[in-house]
Amino acid sequence: MSLINVRDRKRELRARFRRYRAECPPALKRELDQKLFERFTALPEYRQADVLLAYISRGIECDTAPIIRDALQKGKRVAVPKCREHTNEIDFYFIQSYDDLRVGRYGVMEPDSAVCEQAEDVSRGLCLVPGLGFDLLGYRLGFGGGYYDRFLSGFGGTTVGVCYAKCTVGELPRGVFDRAVDIVITEKFCNRTQR
């Protein structure tokens, strides 16, 4: 598949997945998010993890707040991303609660680096990876900035993508810099990707 076709196909899929998420009734979204929470927290990798790298969800994303609160309550160290100035890269900072967050780049809640400790070595952590969609091989369709693909290229821990089943496909178009996750979880299934 040519580069132009890959970009066009990704654009089409992003529009389709955004539309599904935007049109999802709030009651159904709460039900789907609850099932995702139950599947994620049942993972042996989650139960054994000391460090969870998570993203702060917003709007149409799968709700990560219950997962983050559960991890904090269980005494896990939780780190969330902050965009580096003038780059498409992220650093992770440990938070103690949602009170440690401030509005950051693109209106996304980020850790306040004045009060949060930067996570220097997260190589053994469990990383919850955002995506508009995933395929059964673990490849993700992100929001287009490439932040997580850059981060994941050097990450050695376990990665988990959470997604609604209606936003999964058999195989996504992908480029050389796209990175697959180890596990894809939807409200209907958990798929270990054999990377």
N, C-alpha and C. Protein backbone atom coordinates (compact mmCIF):
# COMPACT_ATOMS: atom_id res chain seq x y z
N MET A 1 0.85 -1.19 0.00
CA MET A 1 0.00 0.00 0.00
C MET A 1 0.89 1.24 0.00
N SER A 2 0.65 2.16 -0.88
CA SER A 2 1.49 3.35 -0.99
C SER A 2 1.27 4.27 0.20
N LEU A 3 2.23 5.17 0.43
CA LEU A 3 2.16 6.11 1.54
C LEU A 3 0.91 6.97 1.46
N ILE A 4 0.56 7.41 0.27
CA ILE A 4 -0.64 8.24 0.09
C ILE A 4 -1.88 7.44 0.47
N ASN A 5 -1.95 6.20 0.03
CA ASN A 5 -3.09 5.36 0.37
C ASN A 5 -3.18 5.12 1.87
N VAL A 6 -2.03 4.92 2.54
CA VAL A 6 -2.00 4.71 3.99
C VAL A 6 -2.56 5.95 4.68
N ARG A 7 -2.12 7.13 4.29
CA ARG A 7 -2.61 8.37 4.91
C ARG A 7 -4.11 8.54 4.69
N ASP A 8 -4.55 8.30 3.45
CA ASP A 8 -5.98 8.43 3.15
C ASP A 8 -6.81 7.45 3.96
N ARG A 9 -6.36 6.21 4.03
CA ARG A 9 -7.10 5.18 4.78
C ARG A 9 -7.14 5.51 6.26
N LYS A 10 -6.02 5.98 6.81
CA LYS A 10 -5.99 6.37 8.22
C LYS A 10 -6.96 7.53 8.47
N ARG A 11 -6.99 8.49 7.56
CA ARG A 11 -7.91 9.62 7.70
C ARG A 11 -9.35 9.15 7.70
N GLU A 12 -9.69 8.23 6.80
CA GLU A 12 -11.06 7.68 6.74
C GLU A 12 -11.42 6.95 8.04
N LEU A 13 -10.50 6.14 8.53
CA LEU A 13 -10.77 5.39 9.76
C LEU A 13 -10.87 6.33 10.97
N ARG A 14 -10.01 7.33 11.04
CA ARG A 14 -10.11 8.30 12.14
C ARG A 14 -11.49 8.95 12.15
N ALA A 15 -11.97 9.35 10.97
CA ALA A 15 -13.29 9.98 10.88
C ALA A 15 -14.38 9.01 11.33
N ARG A 16 -14.29 7.76 10.91
CA ARG A 16 -15.30 6.76 11.29
C ARG A 16 -15.30 6.50 12.79
N PHE A 17 -14.11 6.33 13.37
CA PHE A 17 -14.02 6.04 14.80
C PHE A 17 -14.43 7.26 15.64
N ARG A 18 -14.06 8.45 15.19
CA ARG A 18 -14.48 9.67 15.91
C ARG A 18 -16.01 9.80 15.88
N ARG A 19 -16.60 9.53 14.73
CA ARG A 19 -18.05 9.63 14.59
C ARG A 19 -18.75 8.63 15.52
N TYR A 20 -18.27 7.39 15.56
CA TYR A 20 -18.87 6.40 16.45
C TYR A 20 -18.80 6.88 17.90
N ARG A 21 -17.63 7.35 18.30
CA ARG A 21 -17.45 7.78 19.68
C ARG A 21 -18.30 9.01 20.00
N ALA A 22 -18.35 9.95 19.07
CA ALA A 22 -19.13 11.18 19.29
C ALA A 22 -20.62 10.89 19.38
N GLU A 23 -21.09 9.89 18.63
CA GLU A 23 -22.52 9.58 18.60
C GLU A 23 -22.93 8.53 19.64
N CYS A 24 -21.98 7.99 20.36
CA CYS A 24 -22.28 6.96 21.37
C CYS A 24 -23.09 7.59 22.51
N PRO A 25 -24.29 7.08 22.81
CA PRO A 25 -25.09 7.64 23.90
C PRO A 25 -24.34 7.55 25.24
N PRO A 26 -24.46 8.56 26.08
CA PRO A 26 -23.71 8.58 27.35
C PRO A 26 -23.91 7.33 28.20
N ALA A 27 -25.13 6.81 28.27
CA ALA A 27 -25.37 5.61 29.09
C ALA A 27 -24.62 4.41 28.54
N LEU A 28 -24.58 4.28 27.21
CA LEU A 28 -23.84 3.18 26.60
C LEU A 28 -22.34 3.36 26.81
N LYS A 29 -21.85 4.58 26.69
CA LYS A 29 -20.42 4.84 26.92
C LYS A 29 -20.03 4.45 28.35
N ARG A 30 -20.85 4.80 29.33
CA ARG A 30 -20.56 4.43 30.73
C ARG A 30 -20.50 2.90 30.88
N GLU A 31 -21.44 2.21 30.22
CA GLU A 31 -21.46 0.74 30.28
C GLU A 31 -20.20 0.15 29.64
N LEU A 32 -19.82 0.67 28.47
CA LEU A 32 -18.62 0.18 27.79
C LEU A 32 -17.37 0.45 28.63
N ASP A 33 -17.28 1.66 29.19
CA ASP A 33 -16.12 2.02 30.01
C ASP A 33 -16.03 1.13 31.25
N GLN A 34 -17.16 0.79 31.85
CA GLN A 34 -17.15 -0.09 33.01
C GLN A 34 -16.61 -1.48 32.64
N LYS A 35 -17.02 -1.99 31.49
CA LYS A 35 -16.52 -3.30 31.04
C LYS A 35 -15.03 -3.24 30.74
N LEU A 36 -14.58 -2.14 30.15
CA LEU A 36 -13.14 -1.99 29.89
C LEU A 36 -12.37 -1.95 31.21
N PHE A 37 -12.88 -1.24 32.18
CA PHE A 37 -12.26 -1.17 33.51
C PHE A 37 -12.13 -2.57 34.10
N GLU A 38 -13.21 -3.33 34.05
CA GLU A 38 -13.20 -4.68 34.63
C GLU A 38 -12.19 -5.58 33.93
N ARG A 39 -12.14 -5.52 32.62
CA ARG A 39 -11.19 -6.36 31.87
C ARG A 39 -9.74 -5.94 32.15
N PHE A 40 -9.51 -4.63 32.17
CA PHE A 40 -8.14 -4.15 32.40
C PHE A 40 -7.65 -4.52 33.79
N THR A 41 -8.46 -4.26 34.81
CA THR A 41 -8.02 -4.52 36.18
C THR A 41 -7.95 -6.01 36.50
N ALA A 42 -8.53 -6.86 35.65
CA ALA A 42 -8.42 -8.32 35.84
C ALA A 42 -7.13 -8.89 35.24
N LEU A 43 -6.42 -8.09 34.44
CA LEU A 43 -5.18 -8.58 33.82
C LEU A 43 -4.14 -8.93 34.89
N PRO A 44 -3.48 -10.09 34.76
CA PRO A 44 -2.38 -10.39 35.69
C PRO A 44 -1.29 -9.32 35.63
N GLU A 45 -1.05 -8.78 34.44
CA GLU A 45 -0.02 -7.74 34.29
C GLU A 45 -0.36 -6.50 35.11
N TYR A 46 -1.65 -6.19 35.20
CA TYR A 46 -2.06 -5.04 36.01
C TYR A 46 -1.92 -5.36 37.49
N ARG A 47 -2.40 -6.52 37.89
CA ARG A 47 -2.34 -6.89 39.31
C ARG A 47 -0.90 -6.91 39.81
N GLN A 48 0.05 -7.32 38.95
CA GLN A 48 1.45 -7.43 39.35
C GLN A 48 2.24 -6.13 39.18
N ALA A 49 1.71 -5.19 38.47
CA ALA A 49 2.46 -3.96 38.17
C ALA A 49 2.62 -3.07 39.40
N ASP A 50 3.81 -2.53 39.56
CA ASP A 50 4.05 -1.53 40.60
C ASP A 50 3.86 -0.13 40.02
N VAL A 51 4.15 0.00 38.71
CA VAL A 51 4.07 1.30 38.04
C VAL A 51 3.09 1.20 36.87
N LEU A 52 2.14 2.13 36.84
CA LEU A 52 1.19 2.23 35.73
C LEU A 52 1.41 3.56 35.02
N LEU A 53 1.66 3.49 33.72
CA LEU A 53 1.71 4.69 32.90
C LEU A 53 0.34 4.79 32.25
N ALA A 54 -0.35 5.87 32.53
CA ALA A 54 -1.73 6.02 32.03
C ALA A 54 -1.88 7.38 31.39
N TYR A 55 -2.91 7.51 30.58
CA TYR A 55 -3.21 8.81 30.01
C TYR A 55 -4.50 9.34 30.64
N ILE A 56 -4.61 10.65 30.69
CA ILE A 56 -5.80 11.30 31.22
C ILE A 56 -6.79 11.42 30.07
N SER A 57 -7.86 10.66 30.15
CA SER A 57 -8.83 10.63 29.05
C SER A 57 -9.65 11.90 29.01
N ARG A 58 -10.18 12.15 27.83
CA ARG A 58 -11.06 13.30 27.64
C ARG A 58 -12.11 12.95 26.60
N GLY A 59 -13.24 13.59 26.70
CA GLY A 59 -14.30 13.51 25.70
C GLY A 59 -14.60 12.14 25.16
N ILE A 60 -14.16 11.90 23.93
CA ILE A 60 -14.53 10.68 23.22
C ILE A 60 -13.63 9.49 23.55
N GLU A 61 -12.61 9.69 24.38
CA GLU A 61 -11.71 8.59 24.71
C GLU A 61 -12.33 7.66 25.75
N CYS A 62 -11.83 6.42 25.76
CA CYS A 62 -12.23 5.47 26.80
C CYS A 62 -11.83 6.08 28.15
N ASP A 63 -12.74 6.03 29.11
CA ASP A 63 -12.54 6.68 30.40
C ASP A 63 -11.48 5.96 31.23
N THR A 64 -10.36 6.62 31.48
CA THR A 64 -9.28 6.02 32.27
C THR A 64 -9.34 6.40 33.74
N ALA A 65 -10.23 7.33 34.12
CA ALA A 65 -10.28 7.78 35.51
C ALA A 65 -10.49 6.64 36.50
N PRO A 66 -11.42 5.70 36.26
CA PRO A 66 -11.58 4.61 37.22
C PRO A 66 -10.33 3.73 37.35
N ILE A 67 -9.62 3.54 36.25
CA ILE A 67 -8.39 2.74 36.29
C ILE A 67 -7.33 3.47 37.12
N ILE A 68 -7.16 4.76 36.87
CA ILE A 68 -6.16 5.54 37.61
C ILE A 68 -6.49 5.56 39.10
N ARG A 69 -7.75 5.79 39.42
CA ARG A 69 -8.13 5.82 40.84
C ARG A 69 -7.92 4.46 41.51
N ASP A 70 -8.24 3.39 40.80
CA ASP A 70 -8.04 2.04 41.33
C ASP A 70 -6.55 1.79 41.58
N ALA A 71 -5.71 2.17 40.63
CA ALA A 71 -4.27 1.97 40.78
C ALA A 71 -3.73 2.74 41.98
N LEU A 72 -4.14 4.00 42.12
CA LEU A 72 -3.69 4.80 43.26
C LEU A 72 -4.17 4.20 44.57
N GLN A 73 -5.40 3.77 44.59
CA GLN A 73 -5.98 3.16 45.80
C GLN A 73 -5.23 1.88 46.18
N LYS A 74 -4.74 1.15 45.18
CA LYS A 74 -4.02 -0.11 45.44
C LYS A 74 -2.54 0.14 45.74
N GLY A 75 -2.12 1.39 45.78
CA GLY A 75 -0.74 1.72 46.12
C GLY A 75 0.24 1.62 44.97
N LYS A 76 -0.26 1.57 43.75
CA LYS A 76 0.64 1.57 42.59
C LYS A 76 1.12 3.00 42.33
N ARG A 77 2.28 3.14 41.75
CA ARG A 77 2.75 4.45 41.32
C ARG A 77 2.15 4.71 39.95
N VAL A 78 1.50 5.85 39.81
CA VAL A 78 0.82 6.20 38.55
C VAL A 78 1.52 7.41 37.94
N ALA A 79 1.94 7.24 36.69
CA ALA A 79 2.58 8.33 35.96
C ALA A 79 1.74 8.66 34.73
N VAL A 80 1.60 9.95 34.46
CA VAL A 80 0.81 10.39 33.30
C VAL A 80 1.68 11.33 32.45
N PRO A 81 1.34 11.44 31.17
CA PRO A 81 2.22 12.19 30.25
C PRO A 81 2.04 13.70 30.29
N LYS A 82 3.15 14.35 29.98
CA LYS A 82 3.18 15.80 29.78
C LYS A 82 3.95 16.04 28.49
N CYS A 83 3.38 16.85 27.61
CA CYS A 83 4.06 17.16 26.34
C CYS A 83 5.26 18.06 26.59
N ARG A 84 6.36 17.73 25.93
CA ARG A 84 7.53 18.61 25.98
C ARG A 84 7.28 19.83 25.13
N GLU A 85 7.78 20.95 25.59
CA GLU A 85 7.64 22.21 24.85
C GLU A 85 8.26 22.09 23.45
N HIS A 86 7.54 22.55 22.45
CA HIS A 86 8.03 22.67 21.07
C HIS A 86 8.46 21.35 20.44
N THR A 87 7.93 20.22 20.92
CA THR A 87 8.26 18.93 20.34
C THR A 87 6.99 18.08 20.26
N ASN A 88 7.11 16.92 19.67
CA ASN A 88 6.02 15.93 19.66
C ASN A 88 6.41 14.75 20.54
N GLU A 89 7.01 15.05 21.68
CA GLU A 89 7.45 14.01 22.61
C GLU A 89 6.81 14.24 23.97
N ILE A 90 6.73 13.15 24.73
CA ILE A 90 6.12 13.22 26.06
C ILE A 90 7.08 12.68 27.12
N ASP A 91 6.93 13.21 28.32
CA ASP A 91 7.59 12.70 29.51
C ASP A 91 6.48 12.31 30.48
N PHE A 92 6.77 11.36 31.35
CA PHE A 92 5.79 10.93 32.34
C PHE A 92 6.17 11.44 33.72
N TYR A 93 5.15 11.83 34.49
CA TYR A 93 5.33 12.32 35.86
C TYR A 93 4.38 11.56 36.77
N PHE A 94 4.87 11.24 37.97
CA PHE A 94 4.05 10.54 38.95
C PHE A 94 3.04 11.51 39.58
N ILE A 95 1.82 11.05 39.71
CA ILE A 95 0.79 11.84 40.39
C ILE A 95 0.32 11.09 41.63
N GLN A 96 -0.18 11.85 42.58
CA GLN A 96 -0.77 11.27 43.78
C GLN A 96 -2.29 11.28 43.70
N SER A 97 -2.82 12.24 42.91
CA SER A 97 -4.26 12.37 42.73
C SER A 97 -4.52 13.28 41.53
N TYR A 98 -5.79 13.45 41.21
CA TYR A 98 -6.15 14.34 40.10
C TYR A 98 -5.87 15.81 40.45
N ASP A 99 -5.65 16.10 41.73
CA ASP A 99 -5.30 17.46 42.14
C ASP A 99 -3.93 17.88 41.61
N ASP A 100 -3.11 16.91 41.19
CA ASP A 100 -1.77 17.20 40.67
C ASP A 100 -1.78 17.60 39.20
N LEU A 101 -2.97 17.69 38.60
CA LEU A 101 -3.08 17.97 37.16
C LEU A 101 -3.43 19.43 36.89
N ARG A 102 -2.97 19.92 35.76
CA ARG A 102 -3.28 21.26 35.27
C ARG A 102 -3.61 21.16 33.79
N VAL A 103 -4.33 22.15 33.27
CA VAL A 103 -4.61 22.17 31.83
C VAL A 103 -3.31 22.44 31.09
N GLY A 104 -3.01 21.58 30.13
CA GLY A 104 -1.77 21.70 29.37
C GLY A 104 -2.04 21.89 27.89
N ARG A 105 -1.12 21.42 27.11
CA ARG A 105 -1.18 21.54 25.66
C ARG A 105 -2.47 20.92 25.12
N TYR A 106 -3.08 21.56 24.17
CA TYR A 106 -4.31 21.10 23.51
C TYR A 106 -5.48 20.98 24.48
N GLY A 107 -5.39 21.60 25.64
CA GLY A 107 -6.48 21.52 26.61
C GLY A 107 -6.52 20.21 27.38
N VAL A 108 -5.49 19.40 27.24
CA VAL A 108 -5.41 18.10 27.92
C VAL A 108 -4.88 18.31 29.33
N MET A 109 -5.44 17.60 30.29
CA MET A 109 -4.95 17.66 31.66
C MET A 109 -3.59 16.97 31.73
N GLU A 110 -2.61 17.68 32.30
CA GLU A 110 -1.25 17.16 32.42
C GLU A 110 -0.75 17.33 33.85
N PRO A 111 0.26 16.54 34.23
CA PRO A 111 0.82 16.70 35.57
C PRO A 111 1.50 18.05 35.71
N ASP A 112 1.38 18.63 36.88
CA ASP A 112 2.06 19.89 37.20
C ASP A 112 3.50 19.54 37.54
N SER A 113 4.43 19.85 36.65
CA SER A 113 5.82 19.45 36.85
C SER A 113 6.46 20.17 38.04
N ALA A 114 5.81 21.21 38.56
CA ALA A 114 6.34 21.90 39.74
C ALA A 114 6.13 21.07 41.00
N VAL A 115 5.15 20.17 40.99
CA VAL A 115 4.86 19.38 42.20
C VAL A 115 5.00 17.87 41.97
N CYS A 116 5.13 17.44 40.72
CA CYS A 116 5.19 16.01 40.41
C CYS A 116 6.61 15.59 40.06
N GLU A 117 6.98 14.41 40.50
CA GLU A 117 8.29 13.85 40.21
C GLU A 117 8.29 13.23 38.81
N GLN A 118 9.30 13.57 38.01
CA GLN A 118 9.40 12.96 36.69
C GLN A 118 9.77 11.49 36.83
N ALA A 119 9.13 10.65 36.05
CA ALA A 119 9.42 9.22 36.04
C ALA A 119 10.64 9.00 35.15
N GLU A 120 11.78 8.76 35.76
CA GLU A 120 13.03 8.63 35.00
C GLU A 120 13.15 7.27 34.32
N ASP A 121 12.85 6.20 35.06
CA ASP A 121 12.98 4.85 34.50
C ASP A 121 11.64 4.14 34.61
N VAL A 122 10.97 4.00 33.47
CA VAL A 122 9.66 3.34 33.46
C VAL A 122 9.73 2.05 32.62
N SER A 123 10.94 1.52 32.46
CA SER A 123 11.13 0.39 31.56
C SER A 123 10.39 -0.87 31.99
N ARG A 124 10.04 -0.98 33.25
CA ARG A 124 9.32 -2.16 33.72
C ARG A 124 7.85 -1.86 34.01
N GLY A 125 7.40 -0.72 33.60
CA GLY A 125 6.02 -0.34 33.88
C GLY A 125 5.02 -1.01 32.94
N LEU A 126 3.76 -0.83 33.28
CA LEU A 126 2.64 -1.24 32.44
C LEU A 126 2.06 0.03 31.85
N CYS A 127 2.02 0.11 30.54
CA CYS A 127 1.60 1.35 29.88
C CYS A 127 0.23 1.18 29.22
N LEU A 128 -0.70 2.02 29.63
CA LEU A 128 -2.04 2.10 29.04
C LEU A 128 -1.94 3.08 27.88
N VAL A 129 -2.16 2.57 26.67
CA VAL A 129 -1.90 3.35 25.45
C VAL A 129 -3.21 3.83 24.82
N PRO A 130 -3.32 5.14 24.56
CA PRO A 130 -4.55 5.64 23.92
C PRO A 130 -4.58 5.34 22.43
N GLY A 131 -5.76 5.34 21.88
CA GLY A 131 -5.91 5.17 20.44
C GLY A 131 -7.36 5.36 20.03
N LEU A 132 -7.57 5.91 18.87
CA LEU A 132 -8.93 5.99 18.33
C LEU A 132 -9.41 4.60 17.93
N GLY A 133 -8.47 3.77 17.48
CA GLY A 133 -8.79 2.41 17.09
C GLY A 133 -7.56 1.53 17.17
N PHE A 134 -7.79 0.23 17.19
CA PHE A 134 -6.71 -0.76 17.21
C PHE A 134 -7.06 -1.88 16.25
N ASP A 135 -6.02 -2.61 15.83
CA ASP A 135 -6.31 -3.81 15.07
C ASP A 135 -5.95 -5.02 15.92
N LEU A 136 -6.23 -6.21 15.40
CA LEU A 136 -6.02 -7.43 16.16
C LEU A 136 -4.55 -7.80 16.31
N LEU A 137 -3.68 -7.10 15.58
CA LEU A 137 -2.24 -7.31 15.70
C LEU A 137 -1.64 -6.36 16.74
N GLY A 138 -2.46 -5.46 17.28
CA GLY A 138 -1.98 -4.54 18.30
C GLY A 138 -1.60 -3.16 17.78
N TYR A 139 -1.70 -2.95 16.48
CA TYR A 139 -1.36 -1.63 15.95
C TYR A 139 -2.51 -0.67 16.23
N ARG A 140 -2.13 0.58 16.43
CA ARG A 140 -3.11 1.58 16.85
C ARG A 140 -3.25 2.67 15.81
N LEU A 141 -4.41 3.26 15.84
CA LEU A 141 -4.66 4.46 15.07
C LEU A 141 -4.79 5.58 16.10
N GLY A 142 -3.76 6.41 16.20
CA GLY A 142 -3.75 7.47 17.18
C GLY A 142 -4.50 8.69 16.67
N PHE A 143 -4.29 9.79 17.36
CA PHE A 143 -4.97 11.03 16.99
C PHE A 143 -4.16 11.83 15.97
N GLY A 144 -2.98 11.33 15.61
CA GLY A 144 -2.24 11.95 14.51
C GLY A 144 -0.98 12.69 14.90
N GLY A 145 -0.67 12.83 16.19
CA GLY A 145 0.52 13.58 16.59
C GLY A 145 1.79 12.76 16.66
N GLY A 146 1.65 11.44 16.79
CA GLY A 146 2.82 10.57 16.86
C GLY A 146 3.50 10.53 18.22
N TYR A 147 2.91 11.15 19.24
CA TYR A 147 3.53 11.20 20.57
C TYR A 147 3.82 9.81 21.12
N TYR A 148 2.81 8.95 21.11
CA TYR A 148 2.97 7.63 21.71
C TYR A 148 3.86 6.72 20.85
N ASP A 149 3.81 6.84 19.54
CA ASP A 149 4.70 6.02 18.72
C ASP A 149 6.16 6.35 19.04
N ARG A 150 6.47 7.62 19.24
CA ARG A 150 7.83 8.00 19.61
C ARG A 150 8.20 7.42 20.97
N PHE A 151 7.29 7.56 21.93
CA PHE A 151 7.56 7.04 23.27
C PHE A 151 7.72 5.52 23.24
N LEU A 152 6.81 4.83 22.58
CA LEU A 152 6.82 3.36 22.58
C LEU A 152 8.04 2.78 21.88
N SER A 153 8.65 3.55 20.97
CA SER A 153 9.82 3.03 20.26
C SER A 153 10.97 2.73 21.22
N GLY A 154 10.99 3.36 22.39
CA GLY A 154 12.06 3.11 23.35
C GLY A 154 11.58 2.51 24.65
N PHE A 155 10.31 2.12 24.72
CA PHE A 155 9.72 1.59 25.95
C PHE A 155 9.86 0.08 25.98
N GLY A 156 10.31 -0.46 27.11
CA GLY A 156 10.52 -1.90 27.20
C GLY A 156 9.51 -2.65 28.03
N GLY A 157 8.55 -1.94 28.62
CA GLY A 157 7.56 -2.60 29.46
C GLY A 157 6.41 -3.18 28.65
N THR A 158 5.34 -3.54 29.34
CA THR A 158 4.16 -4.12 28.70
C THR A 158 3.19 -3.00 28.32
N THR A 159 2.61 -3.12 27.14
CA THR A 159 1.69 -2.10 26.65
C THR A 159 0.30 -2.68 26.42
N VAL A 160 -0.71 -1.89 26.81
CA VAL A 160 -2.10 -2.31 26.67
C VAL A 160 -2.90 -1.19 26.03
N GLY A 161 -3.60 -1.51 24.95
CA GLY A 161 -4.50 -0.55 24.31
C GLY A 161 -5.92 -0.88 24.71
N VAL A 162 -6.67 0.12 25.16
CA VAL A 162 -8.09 -0.08 25.46
C VAL A 162 -8.90 0.64 24.39
N CYS A 163 -9.96 -0.02 23.95
CA CYS A 163 -10.70 0.49 22.81
C CYS A 163 -12.09 -0.13 22.79
N TYR A 164 -13.04 0.57 22.21
CA TYR A 164 -14.36 -0.01 22.02
C TYR A 164 -14.30 -0.98 20.84
N ALA A 165 -15.02 -2.08 20.94
CA ALA A 165 -14.99 -3.12 19.89
C ALA A 165 -15.35 -2.55 18.53
N LYS A 166 -16.26 -1.57 18.47
CA LYS A 166 -16.66 -0.98 17.19
C LYS A 166 -15.54 -0.15 16.56
N CYS A 167 -14.47 0.07 17.32
CA CYS A 167 -13.32 0.83 16.81
C CYS A 167 -12.11 -0.08 16.61
N THR A 168 -12.37 -1.35 16.38
CA THR A 168 -11.30 -2.29 16.05
C THR A 168 -11.53 -2.84 14.65
N VAL A 169 -10.44 -3.19 14.01
CA VAL A 169 -10.49 -3.81 12.69
C VAL A 169 -9.48 -4.95 12.67
N GLY A 170 -9.58 -5.79 11.66
CA GLY A 170 -8.66 -6.92 11.54
C GLY A 170 -7.21 -6.48 11.39
N GLU A 171 -7.00 -5.49 10.51
CA GLU A 171 -5.65 -4.99 10.29
C GLU A 171 -5.71 -3.54 9.81
N LEU A 172 -4.95 -2.69 10.50
CA LEU A 172 -4.88 -1.27 10.15
C LEU A 172 -3.75 -1.03 9.15
N PRO A 173 -3.90 -0.02 8.31
CA PRO A 173 -2.74 0.41 7.50
C PRO A 173 -1.71 0.98 8.46
N ARG A 174 -0.45 0.71 8.20
CA ARG A 174 0.57 1.22 9.13
C ARG A 174 1.85 1.59 8.40
N GLY A 175 2.58 2.46 9.06
CA GLY A 175 3.85 2.90 8.52
C GLY A 175 5.00 2.31 9.32
N VAL A 176 6.20 2.62 8.92
CA VAL A 176 7.39 2.04 9.52
C VAL A 176 7.57 2.46 10.99
N PHE A 177 7.01 3.62 11.38
CA PHE A 177 7.20 4.10 12.75
C PHE A 177 6.08 3.68 13.69
N ASP A 178 5.05 3.04 13.18
CA ASP A 178 3.94 2.60 14.03
C ASP A 178 4.39 1.46 14.93
N ARG A 179 3.93 1.48 16.16
CA ARG A 179 4.30 0.48 17.15
C ARG A 179 3.06 -0.26 17.63
N ALA A 180 3.15 -1.58 17.73
CA ALA A 180 2.04 -2.38 18.22
C ALA A 180 2.08 -2.47 19.74
N VAL A 181 0.91 -2.65 20.35
CA VAL A 181 0.82 -2.92 21.79
C VAL A 181 0.82 -4.42 22.01
N ASP A 182 1.09 -4.83 23.25
CA ASP A 182 1.13 -6.25 23.60
C ASP A 182 -0.26 -6.85 23.78
N ILE A 183 -1.19 -6.03 24.25
CA ILE A 183 -2.54 -6.50 24.55
C ILE A 183 -3.55 -5.46 24.09
N VAL A 184 -4.61 -5.91 23.44
CA VAL A 184 -5.72 -5.02 23.09
C VAL A 184 -6.94 -5.49 23.87
N ILE A 185 -7.57 -4.55 24.58
CA ILE A 185 -8.77 -4.87 25.37
C ILE A 185 -9.94 -4.06 24.83
N THR A 186 -11.05 -4.74 24.61
CA THR A 186 -12.32 -4.07 24.32
C THR A 186 -13.33 -4.56 25.34
N GLU A 187 -14.55 -4.04 25.26
CA GLU A 187 -15.59 -4.52 26.16
C GLU A 187 -15.98 -5.97 25.88
N LYS A 188 -15.56 -6.48 24.71
CA LYS A 188 -15.95 -7.84 24.32
C LYS A 188 -14.82 -8.86 24.39
N PHE A 189 -13.57 -8.42 24.26
CA PHE A 189 -12.48 -9.39 24.24
C PHE A 189 -11.17 -8.78 24.71
N CYS A 190 -10.25 -9.70 25.01
CA CYS A 190 -8.88 -9.35 25.35
C CYS A 190 -8.00 -10.14 24.39
N ASN A 191 -7.16 -9.43 23.63
CA ASN A 191 -6.35 -10.07 22.60
C ASN A 191 -4.87 -9.83 22.88
N ARG A 192 -4.14 -10.91 23.10
CA ARG A 192 -2.67 -10.82 23.26
C ARG A 192 -2.08 -10.92 21.86
N THR A 193 -1.22 -9.99 21.51
CA THR A 193 -0.88 -9.78 20.10
C THR A 193 0.34 -10.54 19.58
N GLN A 194 1.08 -11.20 20.41
CA GLN A 194 2.23 -12.01 19.95
C GLN A 194 3.27 -11.19 19.21
N ARG A 195 3.58 -9.98 19.66
CA ARG A 195 4.59 -9.22 18.93
C ARG A 195 5.96 -9.81 19.08
